[in-house]
């Protein structure tokens, strides 16, 4: 039986506990990167290019994806 609303079924699959943890981790990493860049720019301690501020969040996402893939690959059935 097909669901009547595909959008709800799609969001139900995305809205899992593990995905919520991943999103919170990415937002925390992004917040820390932006706050570090802001404070270092205001104090003059370090000059940061604002174009590369999203790189730490993307690195965290890649690490989570690779770790999950490896964990699922070598999981005992």
Protein backbone atom coordinates (compact mmCIF):
# COMPACT_ATOMS: atom_id res chain seq x y z
CA UNK A 1 0.00 0.00 0.00
CA UNK A 2 1.41 3.34 -1.04
CA UNK A 3 1.34 6.30 1.30
CA UNK A 4 -1.05 9.04 0.29
CA UNK A 5 1.45 11.80 0.84
CA UNK A 6 4.99 11.12 -0.35
CA UNK A 7 6.42 14.17 1.43
CA UNK A 8 5.39 12.87 4.84
CA UNK A 9 6.87 9.44 4.14
CA UNK A 10 10.11 11.07 2.96
CA UNK A 11 10.42 13.22 6.09
CA UNK A 12 9.61 10.25 8.31
CA UNK A 13 12.58 8.42 6.86
CA UNK A 14 14.87 11.43 7.31
CA UNK A 15 13.66 12.36 10.78
CA UNK A 16 15.46 9.63 12.71
CA UNK A 17 17.42 9.87 15.93
CA UNK A 18 20.77 9.32 14.23
CA UNK A 19 20.08 12.04 11.66
CA UNK A 20 19.11 14.47 14.42
CA UNK A 21 22.43 13.82 16.15
CA UNK A 22 24.32 14.38 12.89
CA UNK A 23 22.51 17.66 12.25
CA UNK A 24 23.16 18.88 15.78
CA UNK A 25 26.85 18.01 15.42
CA UNK A 26 27.10 19.90 12.14
CA UNK A 27 25.34 22.96 13.56
CA UNK A 28 27.59 22.90 16.63
CA UNK A 29 30.69 22.70 14.45
CA UNK A 30 29.41 25.52 12.25
CA UNK A 31 28.57 27.67 15.28
CA UNK A 32 32.00 27.09 16.79
CA UNK A 33 33.71 27.95 13.50
CA UNK A 34 31.75 31.18 13.08
CA UNK A 35 32.23 32.23 16.68
CA UNK A 36 35.98 31.51 16.54
CA UNK A 37 36.30 33.50 13.31
CA UNK A 38 34.28 36.40 14.74
CA UNK A 39 36.26 36.59 17.98
CA UNK A 40 39.62 36.28 16.25
CA UNK A 41 38.66 38.98 13.77
CA UNK A 42 37.51 41.37 16.52
CA UNK A 43 40.62 40.83 18.62
CA UNK A 44 42.97 40.94 15.63
CA UNK A 45 44.58 37.69 16.71
CA UNK A 46 44.08 35.89 13.42
CA UNK A 47 42.76 36.91 10.02
CA UNK A 48 40.26 34.40 8.67
CA UNK A 49 38.79 34.32 5.20
CA UNK A 50 35.02 34.07 5.61
CA UNK A 51 34.72 31.97 2.46
CA UNK A 52 36.28 28.93 4.15
CA UNK A 53 34.22 29.09 7.33
CA UNK A 54 32.02 26.13 6.27
CA UNK A 55 34.90 23.71 5.73
CA UNK A 56 34.98 22.34 9.33
CA UNK A 57 31.25 21.50 9.21
CA UNK A 58 31.70 19.74 5.88
CA UNK A 59 34.66 17.79 7.24
CA UNK A 60 32.60 16.65 10.22
CA UNK A 61 29.82 15.55 7.86
CA UNK A 62 32.28 13.58 5.73
CA UNK A 63 33.77 11.89 8.79
CA UNK A 64 30.30 10.92 10.02
CA UNK A 65 29.28 9.56 6.61
CA UNK A 66 32.48 7.54 6.17
CA UNK A 67 32.31 6.22 9.72
CA UNK A 68 28.70 5.15 9.30
CA UNK A 69 29.45 3.48 5.97
CA UNK A 70 32.37 1.55 7.45
CA UNK A 71 30.34 0.56 10.48
CA UNK A 72 27.50 -0.72 8.30
CA UNK A 73 29.88 -2.56 5.98
CA UNK A 74 31.58 -4.53 8.73
CA UNK A 75 28.51 -5.06 10.88
CA UNK A 76 27.94 -8.70 11.81
CA UNK A 77 24.59 -9.98 10.63
